[in-house]
Protein backbone atom coordinates (compact mmCIF):
# COMPACT_ATOMS: atom_id res chain seq x y z
CA UNK A 1 -32.50 -9.12 -27.31
CA UNK A 2 -32.19 -8.07 -23.18
CA UNK A 3 -28.72 -9.98 -23.15
CA UNK A 4 -27.19 -7.66 -25.70
CA UNK A 5 -28.58 -4.83 -23.52
CA UNK A 6 -26.75 -6.17 -20.36
CA UNK A 7 -23.56 -6.15 -22.53
CA UNK A 8 -24.01 -2.74 -23.72
CA UNK A 9 -24.17 -1.36 -20.14
CA UNK A 10 -21.73 -3.73 -18.65
CA UNK A 11 -19.20 -2.67 -21.78
CA UNK A 12 -20.16 0.88 -20.98
CA UNK A 13 -19.53 0.69 -17.09
CA UNK A 14 -15.95 -0.99 -17.86
CA UNK A 15 -15.38 1.71 -20.05
CA UNK A 16 -16.12 4.39 -17.35
CA UNK A 17 -14.10 2.31 -14.81
CA UNK A 18 -10.75 2.35 -16.99
CA UNK A 19 -10.99 5.66 -17.66
CA UNK A 20 -11.27 6.21 -14.20
CA UNK A 21 -8.71 4.59 -12.95
CA UNK A 22 -6.45 5.81 -15.73
CA UNK A 23 -7.36 9.48 -15.52
CA UNK A 24 -6.63 9.23 -11.13
CA UNK A 25 -3.34 7.38 -11.05
CA UNK A 26 -3.61 8.32 -7.27
CA UNK A 27 -6.06 5.61 -6.70
CA UNK A 28 -5.78 2.52 -4.79
CA UNK A 29 -8.83 0.77 -5.75
CA UNK A 30 -7.92 -3.01 -5.93
CA UNK A 31 -9.09 -5.65 -8.30
CA UNK A 32 -11.28 -7.31 -5.62
CA UNK A 33 -12.81 -3.96 -5.24
CA UNK A 34 -13.30 -3.26 -9.28
CA UNK A 35 -14.91 -6.58 -9.31
CA UNK A 36 -17.00 -6.15 -7.19
CA UNK A 37 -18.25 -3.00 -7.83
CA UNK A 38 -18.71 -3.98 -11.19
CA UNK A 39 -20.27 -7.40 -10.33
CA UNK A 40 -17.74 -9.51 -12.57
CA UNK A 41 -15.79 -12.03 -11.39
CA UNK A 42 -11.76 -11.09 -10.05
CA UNK A 43 -10.84 -12.10 -13.77
CA UNK A 44 -12.81 -10.56 -16.00
CA UNK A 45 -12.35 -6.79 -14.94
CA UNK A 46 -8.36 -7.72 -14.97
CA UNK A 47 -9.03 -9.31 -18.48
CA UNK A 48 -11.43 -6.01 -19.76
CA UNK A 49 -9.03 -3.58 -18.24
CA UNK A 50 -6.07 -5.00 -20.57
CA UNK A 51 -7.86 -4.71 -23.07
CA UNK A 52 -9.27 -1.55 -23.00
CA UNK A 53 -6.18 0.35 -21.68
CA UNK A 54 -3.18 -1.88 -23.39
CA UNK A 55 -1.76 -2.19 -19.39
CA UNK A 56 -2.27 -5.09 -16.95
CA UNK A 57 -4.19 -3.73 -13.98
CA UNK A 58 -0.90 -4.35 -11.91
CA UNK A 59 0.31 -2.16 -14.48
CA UNK A 60 -1.13 1.06 -13.41
CA UNK A 61 2.52 1.62 -11.07
CA UNK A 62 3.98 2.62 -14.21
CA UNK A 63 1.50 4.81 -15.64
CA UNK A 64 2.08 6.23 -12.31
CA UNK A 65 5.82 6.95 -12.83
CA UNK A 66 4.96 8.04 -16.64
CA UNK A 67 3.35 10.83 -15.00
CA UNK A 68 6.00 10.89 -12.47
CA UNK A 69 8.23 11.39 -15.14
CA UNK A 70 6.42 14.68 -16.34
CA UNK A 71 5.25 16.67 -13.13
CA UNK A 72 8.86 17.81 -11.86
CA UNK A 73 9.18 19.44 -14.95
CA UNK A 74 6.57 21.65 -14.16
CA UNK A 75 8.33 22.63 -10.86
CA UNK A 76 6.38 20.41 -9.15
CA UNK A 77 8.02 18.98 -5.29
CA UNK A 78 8.60 15.53 -4.79
CA UNK A 79 5.67 15.90 -1.95
CA UNK A 80 3.52 17.04 -5.05
CA UNK A 81 4.53 14.13 -7.43
CA UNK A 82 4.37 11.84 -4.77
CA UNK A 83 0.71 12.67 -3.84
CA UNK A 84 -0.85 13.35 -7.24
CA UNK A 85 0.54 10.22 -8.54
CA UNK A 86 -0.90 8.01 -5.49
CA UNK A 87 1.61 7.25 -2.81
CA UNK A 88 1.55 8.10 0.92
CA UNK A 89 4.58 10.02 1.23
CA UNK A 90 7.61 11.15 -0.13
CA UNK A 91 9.93 8.38 0.77
CA UNK A 92 7.34 5.68 -0.14
CA UNK A 93 7.35 7.63 -4.35
CA UNK A 94 11.16 8.22 -3.68
CA UNK A 95 11.82 4.54 -3.34
CA UNK A 96 9.09 3.21 -6.05
CA UNK A 97 11.31 5.89 -8.31
CA UNK A 98 14.62 4.25 -7.12
CA UNK A 99 13.48 0.54 -7.61
CA UNK A 100 12.02 1.19 -11.28
CA UNK A 101 14.70 3.96 -12.43
CA UNK A 102 17.81 2.98 -10.46
CA UNK A 103 18.60 6.66 -9.07
CA UNK A 104 16.66 8.82 -6.87
CA UNK A 105 14.04 11.69 -8.53
CA UNK A 106 16.35 14.44 -7.35
CA UNK A 107 20.04 12.44 -9.33
CA UNK A 108 17.37 11.21 -12.04
CA UNK A 109 15.96 15.22 -12.97
CA UNK A 110 19.67 16.70 -12.11
CA UNK A 111 21.31 14.56 -15.07
CA UNK A 112 18.03 15.34 -17.51
CA UNK A 113 18.88 19.47 -17.04
CA UNK A 114 21.05 21.17 -19.20
CA UNK A 115 23.86 23.11 -18.42
CA UNK A 116 23.34 26.03 -16.66
CA UNK A 117 19.82 24.81 -15.86
CA UNK A 118 18.38 24.40 -12.28
CA UNK A 119 15.97 21.27 -11.68
CA UNK A 120 12.91 22.83 -10.41
CA UNK A 121 10.85 21.36 -7.79
CA UNK A 122 12.66 19.04 -6.56
CA UNK A 123 14.41 20.28 -3.15
């Protein structure tokens, strides 16, 4: 009975951790830190994070980029987007954006605007 109770506590803690990681994409926690915090081996939170979220722990960067794609449409500046998504600077964000999508944020969003519209928040 006690083992089941410990498992439920660990599962609840891990579920809360996964929710936090996806909700706070600016978090820079390393898997080693997560494992220590959760009192698990390094492999366990990696495996369980993927099971809970459908993403590998390292794929959080993709989640950051997906979030970053929505923010300029809300009129957010590159600085705001970079900081909200956990990058240290707009240039770090722009470099990752270019590596991921093949062009700068400005070029990407200017090509996505309709004729007569302006790309807000990218200057």
